[in-house]
Amino acid sequence: MRNYLTGDNILPSAFLKIANTEIRKYGVTAYHSEISHAEKLRTGIFQVKDKQGISYYSKKLLIATGLQDTFPSIQGIESYYGKSVFHCPYCDGWEVKDKNIGSS
């Protein structure tokens, strides 16, 4: 997990553990299910169904699919990644502040 305020370089599993602990303070119940169907009903409410056929309803629906970085085919690039090679000046802007970007 990268560039989440106060959570840079925290493992996603550690972040989820912290998040689940914090949401319990507010009476939130977390469900962990594989969703097989989602639709927006005429009422404007979303309905999602899990693999067991159980329906859940919400006003908002967030779909998070994850990400995968694709590195250019340059031998040894992985050893420089995060030190002097960055893939996103928006994400890694602080690291390149006041430095040349893309110069030879």
C-alpha atoms as a PDB file:
ATOM      1  CA  MET A   1       0.000   0.000   0.000  1.00  0.00           C
ATOM      2  CA  ARG A   2       1.436   3.338  -0.991  1.00  0.00           C
ATOM      3  CA  ASN A   3       0.731   6.999  -0.412  1.00  0.00           C
ATOM      4  CA  TYR A   4      -2.165   6.675   1.990  1.00  0.00           C
ATOM      5  CA  LEU A   5      -1.979   9.532   4.478  1.00  0.00           C
ATOM      6  CA  THR A   6      -0.114   8.333   7.593  1.00  0.00           C
ATOM      7  CA  GLY A   7       0.125   4.829   6.177  1.00  0.00           C
ATOM      8  CA  ASP A   8       2.931   4.953   3.636  1.00  0.00           C
ATOM      9  CA  ASN A   9       4.594   1.540   3.255  1.00  0.00           C
ATOM     10  CA  ILE A  10       2.215  -0.223   5.639  1.00  0.00           C
ATOM     11  CA  LEU A  11       1.284  -3.749   4.583  1.00  0.00           C
ATOM     12  CA  PRO A  12      -2.316  -4.001   3.329  1.00  0.00           C
ATOM     13  CA  SER A  13      -3.034  -6.754   5.890  1.00  0.00           C
ATOM     14  CA  ALA A  14      -1.875  -4.469   8.727  1.00  0.00           C
ATOM     15  CA  PHE A  15      -3.972  -1.604   7.343  1.00  0.00           C
ATOM     16  CA  LEU A  16      -7.069  -3.824   7.218  1.00  0.00           C
ATOM     17  CA  LYS A  17      -6.520  -4.957  10.807  1.00  0.00           C
ATOM     18  CA  ILE A  18      -6.287  -1.321  11.990  1.00  0.00           C
ATOM     19  CA  ALA A  19      -9.306  -0.288   9.893  1.00  0.00           C
ATOM     20  CA  ASN A  20     -11.471  -3.143  11.174  1.00  0.00           C
ATOM     21  CA  THR A  21     -10.557  -2.296  14.759  1.00  0.00           C
ATOM     22  CA  GLU A  22     -11.440   1.373  14.212  1.00  0.00           C
ATOM     23  CA  ILE A  23     -14.791   0.798  12.488  1.00  0.00           C
ATOM     24  CA  ARG A  24     -16.024  -1.373  15.367  1.00  0.00           C
ATOM     25  CA  LYS A  25     -15.978   1.778  17.554  1.00  0.00           C
ATOM     26  CA  TYR A  26     -18.798   3.130  15.380  1.00  0.00           C
ATOM     27  CA  GLY A  27     -20.970   0.026  15.427  1.00  0.00           C
ATOM     28  CA  VAL A  28     -20.061  -0.939  11.855  1.00  0.00           C
ATOM     29  CA  THR A  29     -20.263  -4.575  10.876  1.00  0.00           C
ATOM     30  CA  ALA A  30     -17.880  -5.762   8.175  1.00  0.00           C
ATOM     31  CA  TYR A  31     -18.900  -8.574   5.853  1.00  0.00           C
ATOM     32  CA  HIS A  32     -16.361 -10.522   3.833  1.00  0.00           C
ATOM     33  CA  SER A  33     -18.056 -12.121   0.852  1.00  0.00           C
ATOM     34  CA  GLU A  34     -17.360 -12.682  -2.814  1.00  0.00           C
ATOM     35  CA  ILE A  35     -19.854 -10.565  -4.736  1.00  0.00           C
ATOM     36  CA  SER A  36     -21.302 -12.142  -7.868  1.00  0.00           C
ATOM     37  CA  HIS A  37     -23.851  -9.493  -8.930  1.00  0.00           C
ATOM     38  CA  ALA A  38     -24.412  -5.763  -8.477  1.00  0.00           C
ATOM     39  CA  GLU A  39     -27.049  -3.407  -9.803  1.00  0.00           C
ATOM     40  CA  LYS A  40     -28.563  -0.006  -9.140  1.00  0.00           C
ATOM     41  CA  LEU A  41     -32.293  -0.312  -8.469  1.00  0.00           C
ATOM     42  CA  ARG A  42     -34.909   2.155  -9.734  1.00  0.00           C
ATOM     43  CA  THR A  43     -35.036   3.601  -6.223  1.00  0.00           C
ATOM     44  CA  GLY A  44     -31.374   4.648  -6.561  1.00  0.00           C
ATOM     45  CA  ILE A  45     -30.243   2.057  -4.009  1.00  0.00           C
ATOM     46  CA  PHE A  46     -27.552  -0.464  -4.948  1.00  0.00           C
ATOM     47  CA  GLN A  47     -28.169  -4.150  -4.481  1.00  0.00           C
ATOM     48  CA  VAL A  48     -25.269  -6.591  -4.454  1.00  0.00           C
ATOM     49  CA  LYS A  49     -25.518 -10.343  -4.107  1.00  0.00           C
ATOM     50  CA  ASP A  50     -22.820 -12.666  -2.867  1.00  0.00           C
ATOM     51  CA  LYS A  51     -22.047 -16.181  -4.074  1.00  0.00           C
ATOM     52  CA  GLN A  52     -24.494 -17.593  -1.490  1.00  0.00           C
ATOM     53  CA  GLY A  53     -27.331 -15.435  -2.879  1.00  0.00           C
ATOM     54  CA  ILE A  54     -27.465 -13.088   0.139  1.00  0.00           C
ATOM     55  CA  SER A  55     -28.404  -9.522  -0.848  1.00  0.00           C
ATOM     56  CA  TYR A  56     -26.876  -6.355   0.595  1.00  0.00           C
ATOM     57  CA  TYR A  57     -28.167  -2.829   0.001  1.00  0.00           C
ATOM     58  CA  SER A  58     -26.406   0.542   0.071  1.00  0.00           C
ATOM     59  CA  LYS A  59     -26.636   4.145  -1.068  1.00  0.00           C
ATOM     60  CA  LYS A  60     -23.069   4.075  -2.410  1.00  0.00           C
ATOM     61  CA  LEU A  61     -21.038   1.375  -4.122  1.00  0.00           C
ATOM     62  CA  LEU A  62     -17.245   1.404  -4.182  1.00  0.00           C
ATOM     63  CA  ILE A  63     -15.473  -0.977  -6.512  1.00  0.00           C
ATOM     64  CA  ALA A  64     -11.789  -1.444  -5.675  1.00  0.00           C
ATOM     65  CA  THR A  65      -9.887  -3.758  -8.000  1.00  0.00           C
ATOM     66  CA  GLY A  66      -6.322  -3.163  -6.841  1.00  0.00           C
ATOM     67  CA  LEU A  67      -3.382  -2.214  -8.992  1.00  0.00           C
ATOM     68  CA  GLN A  68      -0.299  -3.672 -10.523  1.00  0.00           C
ATOM     69  CA  ASP A  69       2.712  -1.606 -11.552  1.00  0.00           C
ATOM     70  CA  THR A  70       4.224  -2.431 -14.923  1.00  0.00           C
ATOM     71  CA  PHE A  71       7.909  -1.614 -15.144  1.00  0.00           C
ATOM     72  CA  PRO A  72       9.673  -0.840 -18.413  1.00  0.00           C
ATOM     73  CA  SER A  73      11.935  -3.566 -19.736  1.00  0.00           C
ATOM     74  CA  ILE A  74      15.200  -2.131 -18.379  1.00  0.00           C
ATOM     75  CA  GLN A  75      17.658  -4.541 -16.809  1.00  0.00           C
ATOM     76  CA  GLY A  76      18.096  -3.899 -13.062  1.00  0.00           C
ATOM     77  CA  ILE A  77      15.333  -1.268 -12.751  1.00  0.00           C
ATOM     78  CA  GLU A  78      13.842  -2.983  -9.679  1.00  0.00           C
ATOM     79  CA  SER A  79      16.946  -2.244  -7.596  1.00  0.00           C
ATOM     80  CA  TYR A  80      16.491   1.499  -8.197  1.00  0.00           C
ATOM     81  CA  TYR A  81      12.727   1.636  -7.822  1.00  0.00           C
ATOM     82  CA  GLY A  82      11.714   3.922  -4.968  1.00  0.00           C
ATOM     83  CA  LYS A  83      15.241   5.323  -4.632  1.00  0.00           C
ATOM     84  CA  SER A  84      15.985   7.052  -7.918  1.00  0.00           C
ATOM     85  CA  VAL A  85      13.349   5.559 -10.250  1.00  0.00           C
ATOM     86  CA  PHE A  86       9.714   6.524  -9.660  1.00  0.00           C
ATOM     87  CA  HIS A  87       6.736   5.701 -11.820  1.00  0.00           C
ATOM     88  CA  CYS A  88       4.440   8.561 -10.820  1.00  0.00           C
ATOM     89  CA  PRO A  89       5.438  12.160 -10.040  1.00  0.00           C
ATOM     90  CA  TYR A  90       2.010  12.664  -8.447  1.00  0.00           C
ATOM     91  CA  CYS A  91       2.483   9.745  -6.054  1.00  0.00           C
ATOM     92  CA  ASP A  92       6.203  10.232  -5.541  1.00  0.00           C
ATOM     93  CA  GLY A  93       6.299  14.008  -5.893  1.00  0.00           C
ATOM     94  CA  TRP A  94       8.010  14.639  -2.593  1.00  0.00           C
ATOM     95  CA  GLU A  95      10.911  12.386  -3.543  1.00  0.00           C
ATOM     96  CA  VAL A  96      11.536  14.374  -6.756  1.00  0.00           C
ATOM     97  CA  LYS A  97      10.867  17.850  -5.354  1.00  0.00           C
ATOM     98  CA  ASP A  98      13.314  20.398  -6.811  1.00  0.00           C
ATOM     99  CA  LYS A  99      15.030  17.733  -8.930  1.00  0.00           C
ATOM    100  CA  ASN A 100      15.176  17.213 -12.668  1.00  0.00           C
ATOM    101  CA  ILE A 101      12.610  14.756 -13.937  1.00  0.00           C
ATOM    102  CA  GLY A 102      13.338  12.735 -17.056  1.00  0.00           C
ATOM    103  CA  SER A 103      16.731  14.247 -17.758  1.00  0.00           C
ATOM    104  CA  SER A 104      19.691  12.297 -19.098  1.00  0.00           C
END
